[in-house]
Amino acid sequence: MIRPSHKEIHNKISEAKEAAARRKIAIVEPMSFAADALELDYPVESISEILHILLDEITPEYYAGRRPPQRSYESCIQGADLFAFQWKSSVVHSEIYFKFALKEGCLWLVSLHKSRKK
């Protein structure tokens, strides 16, 4: 079986939504994340609200990560599966690249920026 399956991706999106709703959100690289937020023109303080909307936009069809998922090497989420998505967001009006991990009920934001894929 090739991972992640459609069902696994759907479940990870649901888990991410639940964590965001509980405001269990952490950022792997805050400075980089803040710079990307400026580029997307949203205030970092509103990340919880933005995430809620963005997570409602994504579906398993937008999965852009590796198969099987890449594992994080960052110490805070070492070994956690990374789930990446790319799509045209109606919220921020740009092609978006969004990568996250889930660890102990927390949504860890790895990347959220305009797509840099050529």
PDB file of N, CA and C in Angstrom:
ATOM      1  N   MET A   1       0.835  -1.185   0.000  1.00  0.00           N
ATOM      2  CA  MET A   1       0.000   0.000   0.000  1.00  0.00           C
ATOM      3  C   MET A   1       0.881   1.251   0.000  1.00  0.00           C
ATOM      4  N   ILE A   2       0.519   2.191  -0.831  1.00  0.00           N
ATOM      5  CA  ILE A   2       1.267   3.446  -0.908  1.00  0.00           C
ATOM      6  C   ILE A   2       0.693   4.425   0.108  1.00  0.00           C
ATOM      7  N   ARG A   3       1.570   4.953   0.941  1.00  0.00           N
ATOM      8  CA  ARG A   3       1.161   5.944   1.940  1.00  0.00           C
ATOM      9  C   ARG A   3       1.500   7.331   1.436  1.00  0.00           C
ATOM     10  N   PRO A   4       0.750   8.323   1.835  1.00  0.00           N
ATOM     11  CA  PRO A   4      -0.496   8.211   2.591  1.00  0.00           C
ATOM     12  C   PRO A   4      -1.672   7.957   1.651  1.00  0.00           C
ATOM     13  N   SER A   5      -2.606   7.173   2.134  1.00  0.00           N
ATOM     14  CA  SER A   5      -3.816   6.898   1.368  1.00  0.00           C
ATOM     15  C   SER A   5      -4.736   8.112   1.426  1.00  0.00           C
ATOM     16  N   HIS A   6      -5.729   8.108   0.558  1.00  0.00           N
ATOM     17  CA  HIS A   6      -6.736   9.166   0.552  1.00  0.00           C
ATOM     18  C   HIS A   6      -7.359   9.287   1.944  1.00  0.00           C
ATOM     19  N   LYS A   7      -7.690   8.155   2.542  1.00  0.00           N
ATOM     20  CA  LYS A   7      -8.314   8.141   3.866  1.00  0.00           C
ATOM     21  C   LYS A   7      -7.364   8.708   4.926  1.00  0.00           C
ATOM     22  N   GLU A   8      -6.091   8.333   4.872  1.00  0.00           N
ATOM     23  CA  GLU A   8      -5.118   8.849   5.846  1.00  0.00           C
ATOM     24  C   GLU A   8      -4.988  10.366   5.722  1.00  0.00           C
ATOM     25  N   ILE A   9      -4.918  10.870   4.498  1.00  0.00           N
ATOM     26  CA  ILE A   9      -4.806  12.316   4.289  1.00  0.00           C
ATOM     27  C   ILE A   9      -6.060  13.013   4.823  1.00  0.00           C
ATOM     28  N   HIS A  10      -7.218  12.469   4.511  1.00  0.00           N
ATOM     29  CA  HIS A  10      -8.474  13.037   5.009  1.00  0.00           C
ATOM     30  C   HIS A  10      -8.464  13.095   6.541  1.00  0.00           C
ATOM     31  N   ASN A  11      -8.024  12.011   7.158  1.00  0.00           N
ATOM     32  CA  ASN A  11      -7.968  11.967   8.627  1.00  0.00           C
ATOM     33  C   ASN A  11      -6.978  12.983   9.193  1.00  0.00           C
ATOM     34  N   LYS A  12      -5.851  13.180   8.532  1.00  0.00           N
ATOM     35  CA  LYS A  12      -4.859  14.160   9.004  1.00  0.00           C
ATOM     36  C   LYS A  12      -5.406  15.575   8.889  1.00  0.00           C
ATOM     37  N   ILE A  13      -6.128  15.860   7.821  1.00  0.00           N
ATOM     38  CA  ILE A  13      -6.762  17.169   7.689  1.00  0.00           C
ATOM     39  C   ILE A  13      -7.758  17.369   8.828  1.00  0.00           C
ATOM     40  N   SER A  14      -8.546  16.347   9.125  1.00  0.00           N
ATOM     41  CA  SER A  14      -9.517  16.433  10.227  1.00  0.00           C
ATOM     42  C   SER A  14      -8.823  16.651  11.567  1.00  0.00           C
ATOM     43  N   GLU A  15      -7.735  15.931  11.811  1.00  0.00           N
ATOM     44  CA  GLU A  15      -6.983  16.107  13.057  1.00  0.00           C
ATOM     45  C   GLU A  15      -6.415  17.524  13.149  1.00  0.00           C
ATOM     46  N   ALA A  16      -5.931  18.035  12.030  1.00  0.00           N
ATOM     47  CA  ALA A  16      -5.385  19.394  11.999  1.00  0.00           C
ATOM     48  C   ALA A  16      -6.478  20.414  12.315  1.00  0.00           C
ATOM     49  N   LYS A  17      -7.677  20.209  11.759  1.00  0.00           N
ATOM     50  CA  LYS A  17      -8.806  21.101  12.039  1.00  0.00           C
ATOM     51  C   LYS A  17      -9.149  21.092  13.524  1.00  0.00           C
ATOM     52  N   GLU A  18      -9.163  19.895  14.109  1.00  0.00           N
ATOM     53  CA  GLU A  18      -9.477  19.777  15.541  1.00  0.00           C
ATOM     54  C   GLU A  18      -8.442  20.498  16.392  1.00  0.00           C
ATOM     55  N   ALA A  19      -7.179  20.321  16.069  1.00  0.00           N
ATOM     56  CA  ALA A  19      -6.113  20.984  16.830  1.00  0.00           C
ATOM     57  C   ALA A  19      -6.222  22.495  16.684  1.00  0.00           C
ATOM     58  N   ALA A  20      -6.495  22.973  15.469  1.00  0.00           N
ATOM     59  CA  ALA A  20      -6.630  24.412  15.238  1.00  0.00           C
ATOM     60  C   ALA A  20      -7.828  24.970  15.999  1.00  0.00           C
ATOM     61  N   ALA A  21      -8.925  24.226  16.024  1.00  0.00           N
ATOM     62  CA  ALA A  21     -10.120  24.668  16.746  1.00  0.00           C
ATOM     63  C   ALA A  21      -9.848  24.792  18.241  1.00  0.00           C
ATOM     64  N   ARG A  22      -8.986  23.921  18.774  1.00  0.00           N
ATOM     65  CA  ARG A  22      -8.603  23.968  20.197  1.00  0.00           C
ATOM     66  C   ARG A  22      -7.448  24.947  20.442  1.00  0.00           C
ATOM     67  N   ARG A  23      -6.993  25.603  19.349  1.00  0.00           N
ATOM     68  CA  ARG A  23      -5.855  26.533  19.389  1.00  0.00           C
ATOM     69  C   ARG A  23      -4.576  25.856  19.893  1.00  0.00           C
ATOM     70  N   LYS A  24      -4.444  24.581  19.554  1.00  0.00           N
ATOM     71  CA  LYS A  24      -3.226  23.815  19.839  1.00  0.00           C
ATOM     72  C   LYS A  24      -2.346  23.907  18.596  1.00  0.00           C
ATOM     73  N   ILE A  25      -1.704  25.077  18.442  1.00  0.00           N
ATOM     74  CA  ILE A  25      -0.919  25.385  17.249  1.00  0.00           C
ATOM     75  C   ILE A  25       0.481  25.813  17.682  1.00  0.00           C
ATOM     76  N   ALA A  26       1.478  25.278  17.012  1.00  0.00           N
ATOM     77  CA  ALA A  26       2.866  25.682  17.262  1.00  0.00           C
ATOM     78  C   ALA A  26       3.533  25.913  15.903  1.00  0.00           C
ATOM     79  N   ILE A  27       4.524  26.771  15.906  1.00  0.00           N
ATOM     80  CA  ILE A  27       5.234  27.115  14.673  1.00  0.00           C
ATOM     81  C   ILE A  27       6.679  26.656  14.790  1.00  0.00           C
ATOM     82  N   VAL A  28       7.140  25.909  13.801  1.00  0.00           N
ATOM     83  CA  VAL A  28       8.495  25.362  13.834  1.00  0.00           C
ATOM     84  C   VAL A  28       9.537  26.475  13.721  1.00  0.00           C
ATOM     85  N   GLU A  29       9.396  27.363  12.745  1.00  0.00           N
ATOM     86  CA  GLU A  29      10.351  28.468  12.524  1.00  0.00           C
ATOM     87  C   GLU A  29       9.595  29.799  12.541  1.00  0.00           C
ATOM     88  N   PRO A  30       9.390  30.394  13.732  1.00  0.00           N
ATOM     89  CA  PRO A  30       8.555  31.602  13.834  1.00  0.00           C
ATOM     90  C   PRO A  30       9.001  32.781  12.967  1.00  0.00           C
ATOM     91  N   MET A  31      10.288  33.042  12.851  1.00  0.00           N
ATOM     92  CA  MET A  31      10.742  34.199  12.069  1.00  0.00           C
ATOM     93  C   MET A  31      10.433  34.016  10.577  1.00  0.00           C
ATOM     94  N   SER A  32      10.696  32.851  10.070  1.00  0.00           N
ATOM     95  CA  SER A  32      10.407  32.551   8.672  1.00  0.00           C
ATOM     96  C   SER A  32       8.898  32.592   8.432  1.00  0.00           C
ATOM     97  N   PHE A  33       8.154  32.059   9.374  1.00  0.00           N
ATOM     98  CA  PHE A  33       6.702  32.040   9.267  1.00  0.00           C
ATOM     99  C   PHE A  33       6.144  33.462   9.230  1.00  0.00           C
ATOM    100  N   ALA A  34       6.682  34.341  10.057  1.00  0.00           N
ATOM    101  CA  ALA A  34       6.234  35.737  10.094  1.00  0.00           C
ATOM    102  C   ALA A  34       6.507  36.439   8.763  1.00  0.00           C
ATOM    103  N   ALA A  35       7.663  36.192   8.181  1.00  0.00           N
ATOM    104  CA  ALA A  35       8.000  36.792   6.885  1.00  0.00           C
ATOM    105  C   ALA A  35       7.038  36.307   5.802  1.00  0.00           C
ATOM    106  N   ASP A  36       6.712  35.020   5.828  1.00  0.00           N
ATOM    107  CA  ASP A  36       5.777  34.477   4.853  1.00  0.00           C
ATOM    108  C   ASP A  36       4.373  35.044   5.057  1.00  0.00           C
ATOM    109  N   ALA A  37       3.986  35.286   6.306  1.00  0.00           N
ATOM    110  CA  ALA A  37       2.674  35.884   6.597  1.00  0.00           C
ATOM    111  C   ALA A  37       2.579  37.278   5.999  1.00  0.00           C
ATOM    112  N   LEU A  38       3.659  38.040   6.087  1.00  0.00           N
ATOM    113  CA  LEU A  38       3.677  39.377   5.490  1.00  0.00           C
ATOM    114  C   LEU A  38       3.476  39.297   3.984  1.00  0.00           C
ATOM    115  N   GLU A  39       4.148  38.327   3.357  1.00  0.00           N
ATOM    116  CA  GLU A  39       4.026  38.160   1.908  1.00  0.00           C
ATOM    117  C   GLU A  39       2.589  37.802   1.508  1.00  0.00           C
ATOM    118  N   LEU A  40       1.915  37.013   2.359  1.00  0.00           N
ATOM    119  CA  LEU A  40       0.529  36.632   2.074  1.00  0.00           C
ATOM    120  C   LEU A  40      -0.465  37.680   2.551  1.00  0.00           C
ATOM    121  N   ASP A  41       0.033  38.703   3.235  1.00  0.00           N
ATOM    122  CA  ASP A  41      -0.777  39.838   3.676  1.00  0.00           C
ATOM    123  C   ASP A  41      -1.857  39.459   4.693  1.00  0.00           C
ATOM    124  N   TYR A  42      -1.450  38.714   5.722  1.00  0.00           N
ATOM    125  CA  TYR A  42      -2.347  38.478   6.847  1.00  0.00           C
ATOM    126  C   TYR A  42      -1.542  38.660   8.132  1.00  0.00           C
ATOM    127  N   PRO A  43      -2.183  39.162   9.185  1.00  0.00           N
ATOM    128  CA  PRO A  43      -1.468  39.351  10.450  1.00  0.00           C
ATOM    129  C   PRO A  43      -1.217  38.012  11.147  1.00  0.00           C
ATOM    130  N   VAL A  44      -0.010  37.821  11.640  1.00  0.00           N
ATOM    131  CA  VAL A  44       0.353  36.572  12.319  1.00  0.00           C
ATOM    132  C   VAL A  44      -0.596  36.306  13.485  1.00  0.00           C
ATOM    133  N   GLU A  45      -1.082  37.363  14.132  1.00  0.00           N
ATOM    134  CA  GLU A  45      -1.976  37.202  15.279  1.00  0.00           C
ATOM    135  C   GLU A  45      -3.271  36.490  14.901  1.00  0.00           C
ATOM    136  N   SER A  46      -3.633  36.544  13.633  1.00  0.00           N
ATOM    137  CA  SER A  46      -4.888  35.917  13.208  1.00  0.00           C
ATOM    138  C   SER A  46      -4.670  34.527  12.617  1.00  0.00           C
ATOM    139  N   ILE A  47      -3.531  33.918  12.893  1.00  0.00           N
ATOM    140  CA  ILE A  47      -3.205  32.619  12.291  1.00  0.00           C
ATOM    141  C   ILE A  47      -4.244  31.555  12.617  1.00  0.00           C
ATOM    142  N   SER A  48      -4.786  31.566  13.812  1.00  0.00           N
ATOM    143  CA  SER A  48      -5.786  30.567  14.175  1.00  0.00           C
ATOM    144  C   SER A  48      -7.009  30.659  13.263  1.00  0.00           C
ATOM    145  N   GLU A  49      -7.485  31.874  13.024  1.00  0.00           N
ATOM    146  CA  GLU A  49      -8.644  32.065  12.159  1.00  0.00           C
ATOM    147  C   GLU A  49      -8.309  31.721  10.707  1.00  0.00           C
ATOM    148  N   ILE A  50      -7.141  32.153  10.244  1.00  0.00           N
ATOM    149  CA  ILE A  50      -6.713  31.853   8.875  1.00  0.00           C
ATOM    150  C   ILE A  50      -6.591  30.344   8.675  1.00  0.00           C
ATOM    151  N   LEU A  51      -5.981  29.661   9.643  1.00  0.00           N
ATOM    152  CA  LEU A  51      -5.821  28.209   9.528  1.00  0.00           C
ATOM    153  C   LEU A  51      -7.162  27.506   9.437  1.00  0.00           C
ATOM    154  N   HIS A  52      -8.103  27.934  10.248  1.00  0.00           N
ATOM    155  CA  HIS A  52      -9.434  27.322  10.234  1.00  0.00           C
ATOM    156  C   HIS A  52     -10.022  27.394   8.821  1.00  0.00           C
ATOM    157  N   ILE A  53      -9.893  28.538   8.184  1.00  0.00           N
ATOM    158  CA  ILE A  53     -10.431  28.728   6.839  1.00  0.00           C
ATOM    159  C   ILE A  53      -9.630  27.925   5.812  1.00  0.00           C
ATOM    160  N   LEU A  54      -8.301  27.990   5.910  1.00  0.00           N
ATOM    161  CA  LEU A  54      -7.463  27.258   4.949  1.00  0.00           C
ATOM    162  C   LEU A  54      -7.672  25.756   5.050  1.00  0.00           C
ATOM    163  N   LEU A  55      -7.796  25.253   6.262  1.00  0.00           N
ATOM    164  CA  LEU A  55      -8.003  23.810   6.447  1.00  0.00           C
ATOM    165  C   LEU A  55      -9.353  23.368   5.884  1.00  0.00           C
ATOM    166  N   ASP A  56     -10.320  24.275   5.855  1.00  0.00           N
ATOM    167  CA  ASP A  56     -11.606  23.951   5.228  1.00  0.00           C
ATOM    168  C   ASP A  56     -11.490  23.900   3.704  1.00  0.00           C
ATOM    169  N   GLU A  57     -10.501  24.584   3.152  1.00  0.00           N
ATOM    170  CA  GLU A  57     -10.307  24.594   1.696  1.00  0.00           C
ATOM    171  C   GLU A  57      -9.621  23.337   1.174  1.00  0.00           C
ATOM    172  N   ILE A  58      -8.735  22.762   1.959  1.00  0.00           N
ATOM    173  CA  ILE A  58      -7.921  21.667   1.412  1.00  0.00           C
ATOM    174  C   ILE A  58      -8.652  20.329   1.451  1.00  0.00           C
ATOM    175  N   THR A  59      -8.308  19.522   0.476  1.00  0.00           N
ATOM    176  CA  THR A  59      -8.840  18.165   0.359  1.00  0.00           C
ATOM    177  C   THR A  59      -7.658  17.241   0.056  1.00  0.00           C
ATOM    178  N   PRO A  60      -7.862  15.943   0.175  1.00  0.00           N
ATOM    179  CA  PRO A  60      -6.770  15.016  -0.150  1.00  0.00           C
ATOM    180  C   PRO A  60      -6.228  15.180  -1.567  1.00  0.00           C
ATOM    181  N   GLU A  61      -7.032  15.681  -2.478  1.00  0.00           N
ATOM    182  CA  GLU A  61      -6.576  15.870  -3.856  1.00  0.00           C
ATOM    183  C   GLU A  61      -5.469  16.910  -3.963  1.00  0.00           C
ATOM    184  N   TYR A  62      -5.367  17.792  -2.983  1.00  0.00           N
ATOM    185  CA  TYR A  62      -4.331  18.831  -2.995  1.00  0.00           C
ATOM    186  C   TYR A  62      -3.026  18.367  -2.340  1.00  0.00           C
ATOM    187  N   TYR A  63      -2.978  17.111  -1.935  1.00  0.00           N
ATOM    188  CA  TYR A  63      -1.754  16.603  -1.287  1.00  0.00           C
ATOM    189  C   TYR A  63      -0.583  16.740  -2.255  1.00  0.00           C
ATOM    190  N   ALA A  64       0.501  17.361  -1.774  1.00  0.00           N
ATOM    191  CA  ALA A  64       1.684  17.600  -2.608  1.00  0.00           C
ATOM    192  C   ALA A  64       2.951  17.062  -1.959  1.00  0.00           C
ATOM    193  N   GLY A  65       2.771  16.252  -0.938  1.00  0.00           N
ATOM    194  CA  GLY A  65       3.926  15.717  -0.218  1.00  0.00           C
ATOM    195  C   GLY A  65       4.448  14.428  -0.815  1.00  0.00           C
ATOM    196  N   ARG A  66       5.458  13.909  -0.174  1.00  0.00           N
ATOM    197  CA  ARG A  66       6.081  12.663  -0.631  1.00  0.00           C
ATOM    198  C   ARG A  66       5.223  11.465  -0.261  1.00  0.00           C
ATOM    199  N   ARG A  67       5.501  10.385  -0.952  1.00  0.00           N
ATOM    200  CA  ARG A  67       4.843   9.107  -0.665  1.00  0.00           C
ATOM    201  C   ARG A  67       5.922   8.062  -0.477  1.00  0.00           C
ATOM    202  N   PRO A  68       6.153   7.553   0.705  1.00  0.00           N
ATOM    203  CA  PRO A  68       5.488   7.881   1.970  1.00  0.00           C
ATOM    204  C   PRO A  68       5.879   9.280   2.443  1.00  0.00           C
ATOM    205  N   PRO A  69       5.116   9.830   3.411  1.00  0.00           N
ATOM    206  CA  PRO A  69       5.417  11.182   3.878  1.00  0.00           C
ATOM    207  C   PRO A  69       6.840  11.310   4.403  1.00  0.00           C
ATOM    208  N   GLN A  70       7.425  12.456   4.107  1.00  0.00           N
ATOM    209  CA  GLN A  70       8.744  12.775   4.649  1.00  0.00           C
ATOM    210  C   GLN A  70       8.621  12.872   6.168  1.00  0.00           C
ATOM    211  N   ARG A  71       9.678  12.530   6.862  1.00  0.00           N
ATOM    212  CA  ARG A  71       9.684  12.659   8.325  1.00  0.00           C
ATOM    213  C   ARG A  71      10.505  13.887   8.696  1.00  0.00           C
ATOM    214  N   SER A  72      10.039  14.576   9.721  1.00  0.00           N
ATOM    215  CA  SER A  72      10.710  15.801  10.141  1.00  0.00           C
ATOM    216  C   SER A  72      12.036  15.504  10.823  1.00  0.00           C
ATOM    217  N   TYR A  73      13.001  16.383  10.576  1.00  0.00           N
ATOM    218  CA  TYR A  73      14.290  16.315  11.268  1.00  0.00           C
ATOM    219  C   TYR A  73      14.402  17.425  12.309  1.00  0.00           C
ATOM    220  N   GLU A  74      13.395  18.308  12.391  1.00  0.00           N
ATOM    221  CA  GLU A  74      13.394  19.377  13.394  1.00  0.00           C
ATOM    222  C   GLU A  74      13.247  18.755  14.773  1.00  0.00           C
ATOM    223  N   SER A  75      14.020  19.223  15.737  1.00  0.00           N
ATOM    224  CA  SER A  75      14.034  18.595  17.063  1.00  0.00           C
ATOM    225  C   SER A  75      12.666  18.606  17.747  1.00  0.00           C
ATOM    226  N   CYS A  76      11.876  19.648  17.539  1.00  0.00           N
ATOM    227  CA  CYS A  76      10.578  19.749  18.213  1.00  0.00           C
ATOM    228  C   CYS A  76       9.552  18.741  17.687  1.00  0.00           C
ATOM    229  N   ILE A  77       9.729  18.281  16.461  1.00  0.00           N
ATOM    230  CA  ILE A  77       8.791  17.304  15.874  1.00  0.00           C
ATOM    231  C   ILE A  77       9.550  16.165  15.188  1.00  0.00           C
ATOM    232  N   GLN A  78      10.703  15.862  15.727  1.00  0.00           N
ATOM    233  CA  GLN A  78      11.576  14.830  15.152  1.00  0.00           C
ATOM    234  C   GLN A  78      10.803  13.542  14.874  1.00  0.00           C
ATOM    235  N   GLY A  79      10.902  13.079  13.632  1.00  0.00           N
ATOM    236  CA  GLY A  79      10.291  11.816  13.240  1.00  0.00           C
ATOM    237  C   GLY A  79       8.816  11.898  12.867  1.00  0.00           C
ATOM    238  N   ALA A  80       8.179  13.047  13.077  1.00  0.00           N
ATOM    239  CA  ALA A  80       6.757  13.192  12.734  1.00  0.00           C
ATOM    240  C   ALA A  80       6.587  13.243  11.220  1.00  0.00           C
ATOM    241  N   ASP A  81       5.512  12.647  10.727  1.00  0.00           N
ATOM    242  CA  ASP A  81       5.202  12.707   9.300  1.00  0.00           C
ATOM    243  C   ASP A  81       4.830  14.130   8.917  1.00  0.00           C
ATOM    244  N   LEU A  82       5.318  14.564   7.757  1.00  0.00           N
ATOM    245  CA  LEU A  82       5.013  15.898   7.238  1.00  0.00           C
ATOM    246  C   LEU A  82       3.995  15.768   6.112  1.00  0.00           C
ATOM    247  N   PHE A  83       2.947  16.568   6.196  1.00  0.00           N
ATOM    248  CA  PHE A  83       1.886  16.550   5.202  1.00  0.00           C
ATOM    249  C   PHE A  83       1.855  17.897   4.491  1.00  0.00           C
ATOM    250  N   ALA A  84       2.103  17.875   3.189  1.00  0.00           N
ATOM    251  CA  ALA A  84       2.193  19.100   2.400  1.00  0.00           C
ATOM    252  C   ALA A  84       1.036  19.162   1.398  1.00  0.00           C
ATOM    253  N   PHE A  85       0.541  20.382   1.199  1.00  0.00           N
ATOM    254  CA  PHE A  85      -0.566  20.621   0.282  1.00  0.00           C
ATOM    255  C   PHE A  85      -0.269  21.854  -0.554  1.00  0.00           C
ATOM    256  N   GLN A  86      -0.787  21.834  -1.770  1.00  0.00           N
ATOM    257  CA  GLN A  86      -0.630  22.991  -2.644  1.00  0.00           C
ATOM    258  C   GLN A  86      -1.943  23.179  -3.385  1.00  0.00           C
ATOM    259  N   TRP A  87      -2.454  24.422  -3.370  1.00  0.00           N
ATOM    260  CA  TRP A  87      -3.712  24.729  -4.028  1.00  0.00           C
ATOM    261  C   TRP A  87      -3.874  26.231  -4.190  1.00  0.00           C
ATOM    262  N   LYS A  88      -4.843  26.609  -5.007  1.00  0.00           N
ATOM    263  CA  LYS A  88      -5.191  28.015  -5.203  1.00  0.00           C
ATOM    264  C   LYS A  88      -6.200  28.380  -4.114  1.00  0.00           C
ATOM    265  N   SER A  89      -5.775  29.197  -3.171  1.00  0.00           N
ATOM    266  CA  SER A  89      -6.624  29.573  -2.044  1.00  0.00           C
ATOM    267  C   SER A  89      -7.529  30.744  -2.403  1.00  0.00           C
ATOM    268  N   SER A  90      -8.800  30.589  -2.110  1.00  0.00           N
ATOM    269  CA  SER A  90      -9.741  31.692  -2.324  1.00  0.00           C
ATOM    270  C   SER A  90      -9.671  32.693  -1.171  1.00  0.00           C
ATOM    271  N   VAL A  91      -9.030  32.307  -0.079  1.00  0.00           N
ATOM    272  CA  VAL A  91      -8.915  33.173   1.095  1.00  0.00           C
ATOM    273  C   VAL A  91      -7.802  34.200   0.918  1.00  0.00           C
ATOM    274  N   VAL A  92      -6.623  33.739   0.535  1.00  0.00           N
ATOM    275  CA  VAL A  92      -5.482  34.644   0.382  1.00  0.00           C
ATOM    276  C   VAL A  92      -5.192  34.960  -1.089  1.00  0.00           C
ATOM    277  N   HIS A  93      -6.042  34.443  -1.976  1.00  0.00           N
ATOM    278  CA  HIS A  93      -5.987  34.761  -3.404  1.00  0.00           C
ATOM    279  C   HIS A  93      -4.624  34.483  -4.032  1.00  0.00           C
ATOM    280  N   SER A  94      -4.027  33.365  -3.645  1.00  0.00           N
ATOM    281  CA  SER A  94      -2.726  32.960  -4.177  1.00  0.00           C
ATOM    282  C   SER A  94      -2.634  31.447  -4.205  1.00  0.00           C
ATOM    283  N   GLU A  95      -1.698  30.961  -5.011  1.00  0.00           N
ATOM    284  CA  GLU A  95      -1.339  29.547  -4.964  1.00  0.00           C
ATOM    285  C   GLU A  95      -0.540  29.355  -3.674  1.00  0.00           C
ATOM    286  N   ILE A  96      -0.986  28.458  -2.828  1.00  0.00           N
ATOM    287  CA  ILE A  96      -0.434  28.284  -1.478  1.00  0.00           C
ATOM    288  C   ILE A  96       0.293  26.944  -1.354  1.00  0.00           C
ATOM    289  N   TYR A  97       1.358  26.966  -0.573  1.00  0.00           N
ATOM    290  CA  TYR A  97       2.044  25.744  -0.157  1.00  0.00           C
ATOM    291  C   TYR A  97       1.942  25.700   1.363  1.00  0.00           C
ATOM    292  N   PHE A  98       1.399  24.619   1.893  1.00  0.00           N
ATOM    293  CA  PHE A  98       1.151  24.483   3.323  1.00  0.00           C
ATOM    294  C   PHE A  98       1.637  23.114   3.771  1.00  0.00           C
ATOM    295  N   LYS A  99       2.537  23.097   4.735  1.00  0.00           N
ATOM    296  CA  LYS A  99       3.063  21.839   5.263  1.00  0.00           C
ATOM    297  C   LYS A  99       2.918  21.847   6.768  1.00  0.00           C
ATOM    298  N   PHE A 100       2.419  20.719   7.309  1.00  0.00           N
ATOM    299  CA  PHE A 100       2.233  20.623   8.748  1.00  0.00           C
ATOM    300  C   PHE A 100       2.564  19.222   9.242  1.00  0.00           C
ATOM    301  N   ALA A 101       2.706  19.131  10.554  1.00  0.00           N
ATOM    302  CA  ALA A 101       2.868  17.852  11.234  1.00  0.00           C
ATOM    303  C   ALA A 101       1.924  17.868  12.432  1.00  0.00           C
ATOM    304  N   LEU A 102       1.575  16.691  12.886  1.00  0.00           N
ATOM    305  CA  LEU A 102       0.762  16.555  14.088  1.00  0.00           C
ATOM    306  C   LEU A 102       1.565  15.760  15.107  1.00  0.00           C
ATOM    307  N   LYS A 103       1.619  16.299  16.314  1.00  0.00           N
ATOM    308  CA  LYS A 103       2.350  15.606  17.366  1.00  0.00           C
ATOM    309  C   LYS A 103       1.666  15.889  18.696  1.00  0.00           C
ATOM    310  N   GLU A 104       1.271  14.823  19.374  1.00  0.00           N
ATOM    311  CA  GLU A 104       0.635  14.921  20.688  1.00  0.00           C
ATOM    312  C   GLU A 104      -0.535  15.895  20.692  1.00  0.00           C
ATOM    313  N   GLY A 105      -1.384  15.808  19.656  1.00  0.00           N
ATOM    314  CA  GLY A 105      -2.576  16.642  19.578  1.00  0.00           C
ATOM    315  C   GLY A 105      -2.342  18.079  19.183  1.00  0.00           C
ATOM    316  N   CYS A 106      -1.113  18.414  18.815  1.00  0.00           N
ATOM    317  CA  CYS A 106      -0.767  19.782  18.430  1.00  0.00           C
ATOM    318  C   CYS A 106      -0.511  19.844  16.925  1.00  0.00           C
ATOM    319  N   LEU A 107      -1.007  20.905  16.311  1.00  0.00           N
ATOM    320  CA  LEU A 107      -0.762  21.178  14.901  1.00  0.00           C
ATOM    321  C   LEU A 107       0.512  22.003  14.799  1.00  0.00           C
ATOM    322  N   TRP A 108       1.542  21.433  14.212  1.00  0.00           N
ATOM    323  CA  TRP A 108       2.833  22.110  14.037  1.00  0.00           C
ATOM    324  C   TRP A 108       2.916  22.654  12.622  1.00  0.00           C
ATOM    325  N   LEU A 109       3.033  23.963  12.492  1.00  0.00           N
ATOM    326  CA  LEU A 109       3.137  24.607  11.195  1.00  0.00           C
ATOM    327  C   LEU A 109       4.589  24.616  10.741  1.00  0.00           C
ATOM    328  N   VAL A 110       4.835  23.995   9.619  1.00  0.00           N
ATOM    329  CA  VAL A 110       6.180  23.918   9.066  1.00  0.00           C
ATOM    330  C   VAL A 110       6.351  24.972   7.978  1.00  0.00           C
ATOM    331  N   SER A 111       5.370  25.072   7.075  1.00  0.00           N
ATOM    332  CA  SER A 111       5.405  26.048   5.982  1.00  0.00           C
ATOM    333  C   SER A 111       3.995  26.517   5.668  1.00  0.00           C
ATOM    334  N   LEU A 112       3.886  27.792   5.383  1.00  0.00           N
ATOM    335  CA  LEU A 112       2.646  28.365   4.856  1.00  0.00           C
ATOM    336  C   LEU A 112       3.047  29.609   4.088  1.00  0.00           C
ATOM    337  N   HIS A 113       3.126  29.467   2.766  1.00  0.00           N
ATOM    338  CA  HIS A 113       3.604  30.576   1.949  1.00  0.00           C
ATOM    339  C   HIS A 113       3.079  30.439   0.538  1.00  0.00           C
ATOM    340  N   LYS A 114       3.307  31.480  -0.265  1.00  0.00           N
ATOM    341  CA  LYS A 114       2.963  31.390  -1.681  1.00  0.00           C
ATOM    342  C   LYS A 114       3.788  30.258  -2.294  1.00  0.00           C
ATOM    343  N   SER A 115       3.176  29.566  -3.229  1.00  0.00           N
ATOM    344  CA  SER A 115       3.875  28.471  -3.887  1.00  0.00           C
ATOM    345  C   SER A 115       5.113  29.012  -4.583  1.00  0.00           C
ATOM    346  N   ARG A 116       6.207  28.300  -4.429  1.00  0.00           N
ATOM    347  CA  ARG A 116       7.465  28.689  -5.079  1.00  0.00           C
ATOM    348  C   ARG A 116       7.807  27.707  -6.187  1.00  0.00           C
ATOM    349  N   LYS A 117       6.880  26.820  -6.457  1.00  0.00           N
ATOM    350  CA  LYS A 117       7.073  25.812  -7.500  1.00  0.00           C
ATOM    351  C   LYS A 117       6.979  26.468  -8.860  1.00  0.00           C
ATOM    352  N   LYS A 118       7.944  26.245  -9.671  1.00  0.00           N
ATOM    353  CA  LYS A 118       7.992  26.852 -11.016  1.00  0.00           C
ATOM    354  C   LYS A 118       7.276  25.969 -12.006  1.00  0.00           C
TER     355      LYS A 118
END
